[in-house]
């Protein structure tokens, strides 16, 4: 599997990263490495395969950054929240 590393950024800079290369962290456990600004750095998120590990990592990023991206009352984007996902080489 090729290594994939995504960078999630806002107008304030890099908000989160996720990296997955198909590495195993034990018996039958695969992981993705997740960092979220203000919450965690290089946290391993485990799954039964690479796809699940990546998916769980993206879900964690979405959950931890939701307050910065979405207005709670109206479920609309927050003012000035133009976030993008970029592939890092």
C-alpha atoms as a PDB file:
ATOM      1  CA  UNK A   1       0.000   0.000   0.000  1.00  0.00           C
ATOM      2  CA  UNK A   2       1.241   3.473  -0.821  1.00  0.00           C
ATOM      3  CA  UNK A   3       1.503   5.982   1.989  1.00  0.00           C
ATOM      4  CA  UNK A   4      -1.238   8.618   2.017  1.00  0.00           C
ATOM      5  CA  UNK A   5      -1.048  11.796   4.062  1.00  0.00           C
ATOM      6  CA  UNK A   6      -3.787  14.405   4.063  1.00  0.00           C
ATOM      7  CA  UNK A   7      -3.640  17.904   5.478  1.00  0.00           C
ATOM      8  CA  UNK A   8      -6.865  19.617   6.552  1.00  0.00           C
ATOM      9  CA  UNK A   9      -6.423  23.370   6.671  1.00  0.00           C
ATOM     10  CA  UNK A  10      -8.410  26.520   7.317  1.00  0.00           C
ATOM     11  CA  UNK A  11      -7.632  30.187   6.841  1.00  0.00           C
ATOM     12  CA  UNK A  12      -5.725  29.964  10.159  1.00  0.00           C
ATOM     13  CA  UNK A  13      -3.384  27.225   8.878  1.00  0.00           C
ATOM     14  CA  UNK A  14      -3.148  23.456   9.237  1.00  0.00           C
ATOM     15  CA  UNK A  15      -5.898  22.201  11.546  1.00  0.00           C
ATOM     16  CA  UNK A  16      -5.313  18.443  11.262  1.00  0.00           C
ATOM     17  CA  UNK A  17      -3.352  15.733   9.460  1.00  0.00           C
ATOM     18  CA  UNK A  18      -3.927  12.038   8.889  1.00  0.00           C
ATOM     19  CA  UNK A  19      -1.442   9.519   7.554  1.00  0.00           C
ATOM     20  CA  UNK A  20      -1.935   5.867   6.683  1.00  0.00           C
ATOM     21  CA  UNK A  21       0.576   3.510   5.086  1.00  0.00           C
ATOM     22  CA  UNK A  22      -0.900   0.106   5.874  1.00  0.00           C
ATOM     23  CA  UNK A  23       1.280  -0.404   8.940  1.00  0.00           C
ATOM     24  CA  UNK A  24       0.219  -2.818  11.630  1.00  0.00           C
ATOM     25  CA  UNK A  25       0.511  -2.051  15.312  1.00  0.00           C
ATOM     26  CA  UNK A  26       0.015  -5.540  16.635  1.00  0.00           C
ATOM     27  CA  UNK A  27      -1.799  -8.712  15.778  1.00  0.00           C
ATOM     28  CA  UNK A  28      -4.328  -7.910  13.030  1.00  0.00           C
ATOM     29  CA  UNK A  29      -4.418  -4.205  14.019  1.00  0.00           C
ATOM     30  CA  UNK A  30      -3.774  -1.521  11.413  1.00  0.00           C
ATOM     31  CA  UNK A  31      -3.465   2.153  12.245  1.00  0.00           C
ATOM     32  CA  UNK A  32      -3.643   5.681  10.917  1.00  0.00           C
ATOM     33  CA  UNK A  33      -1.723   8.525  12.563  1.00  0.00           C
ATOM     34  CA  UNK A  34      -3.873  11.561  13.409  1.00  0.00           C
ATOM     35  CA  UNK A  35      -2.954  15.040  14.641  1.00  0.00           C
ATOM     36  CA  UNK A  36      -5.541  17.711  15.482  1.00  0.00           C
ATOM     37  CA  UNK A  37      -4.421  21.207  16.443  1.00  0.00           C
ATOM     38  CA  UNK A  38      -5.127  21.869  20.113  1.00  0.00           C
ATOM     39  CA  UNK A  39      -6.104  18.259  20.868  1.00  0.00           C
ATOM     40  CA  UNK A  40      -3.481  15.658  19.948  1.00  0.00           C
ATOM     41  CA  UNK A  41      -0.263  15.013  18.065  1.00  0.00           C
ATOM     42  CA  UNK A  42       0.562  11.758  16.257  1.00  0.00           C
ATOM     43  CA  UNK A  43      -2.174   9.665  17.873  1.00  0.00           C
ATOM     44  CA  UNK A  44      -2.553   6.147  16.460  1.00  0.00           C
ATOM     45  CA  UNK A  45      -6.137   5.224  15.580  1.00  0.00           C
ATOM     46  CA  UNK A  46      -6.563   1.473  15.161  1.00  0.00           C
ATOM     47  CA  UNK A  47      -8.848  -0.553  12.912  1.00  0.00           C
ATOM     48  CA  UNK A  48      -9.260  -4.105  11.671  1.00  0.00           C
ATOM     49  CA  UNK A  49      -7.863  -3.026   8.287  1.00  0.00           C
ATOM     50  CA  UNK A  50      -6.300   0.089   6.752  1.00  0.00           C
ATOM     51  CA  UNK A  51      -9.625   1.373   5.432  1.00  0.00           C
ATOM     52  CA  UNK A  52     -11.292   1.209   8.836  1.00  0.00           C
ATOM     53  CA  UNK A  53      -8.299   2.837  10.565  1.00  0.00           C
ATOM     54  CA  UNK A  54      -8.337   5.695   8.029  1.00  0.00           C
ATOM     55  CA  UNK A  55     -12.109   6.081   8.279  1.00  0.00           C
ATOM     56  CA  UNK A  56     -12.052   6.166  12.084  1.00  0.00           C
ATOM     57  CA  UNK A  57      -9.228   8.723  11.972  1.00  0.00           C
ATOM     58  CA  UNK A  58     -11.189  10.995   9.623  1.00  0.00           C
ATOM     59  CA  UNK A  59     -14.239  10.624  11.862  1.00  0.00           C
ATOM     60  CA  UNK A  60     -12.166  11.694  14.857  1.00  0.00           C
ATOM     61  CA  UNK A  61     -10.907  14.745  12.954  1.00  0.00           C
ATOM     62  CA  UNK A  62     -14.462  15.655  11.931  1.00  0.00           C
ATOM     63  CA  UNK A  63     -15.715  15.297  15.501  1.00  0.00           C
ATOM     64  CA  UNK A  64     -12.919  17.325  17.118  1.00  0.00           C
ATOM     65  CA  UNK A  65     -13.032  20.163  14.564  1.00  0.00           C
ATOM     66  CA  UNK A  66     -16.812  20.411  14.215  1.00  0.00           C
ATOM     67  CA  UNK A  67     -17.051  23.367  16.601  1.00  0.00           C
ATOM     68  CA  UNK A  68     -14.676  25.364  14.394  1.00  0.00           C
ATOM     69  CA  UNK A  69     -16.444  24.404  11.159  1.00  0.00           C
ATOM     70  CA  UNK A  70     -20.193  24.255  11.875  1.00  0.00           C
ATOM     71  CA  UNK A  71     -22.570  26.600  13.724  1.00  0.00           C
ATOM     72  CA  UNK A  72     -24.244  24.440  16.352  1.00  0.00           C
ATOM     73  CA  UNK A  73     -27.686  26.067  16.203  1.00  0.00           C
ATOM     74  CA  UNK A  74     -28.238  26.301  12.440  1.00  0.00           C
ATOM     75  CA  UNK A  75     -25.912  23.493  11.302  1.00  0.00           C
ATOM     76  CA  UNK A  76     -24.383  25.899   8.779  1.00  0.00           C
ATOM     77  CA  UNK A  77     -20.707  26.632   8.129  1.00  0.00           C
ATOM     78  CA  UNK A  78     -19.184  29.110  10.581  1.00  0.00           C
ATOM     79  CA  UNK A  79     -18.284  32.542   9.240  1.00  0.00           C
ATOM     80  CA  UNK A  80     -14.899  32.483   7.530  1.00  0.00           C
ATOM     81  CA  UNK A  81     -14.608  28.708   7.689  1.00  0.00           C
ATOM     82  CA  UNK A  82     -13.241  27.792   4.317  1.00  0.00           C
ATOM     83  CA  UNK A  83     -11.581  24.460   5.034  1.00  0.00           C
ATOM     84  CA  UNK A  84      -9.860  22.294   2.455  1.00  0.00           C
ATOM     85  CA  UNK A  85      -8.260  18.862   2.227  1.00  0.00           C
ATOM     86  CA  UNK A  86      -4.868  18.631   0.532  1.00  0.00           C
ATOM     87  CA  UNK A  87      -2.707  15.646  -0.324  1.00  0.00           C
ATOM     88  CA  UNK A  88       0.757  15.929   1.150  1.00  0.00           C
ATOM     89  CA  UNK A  89       3.595  14.298  -0.755  1.00  0.00           C
END
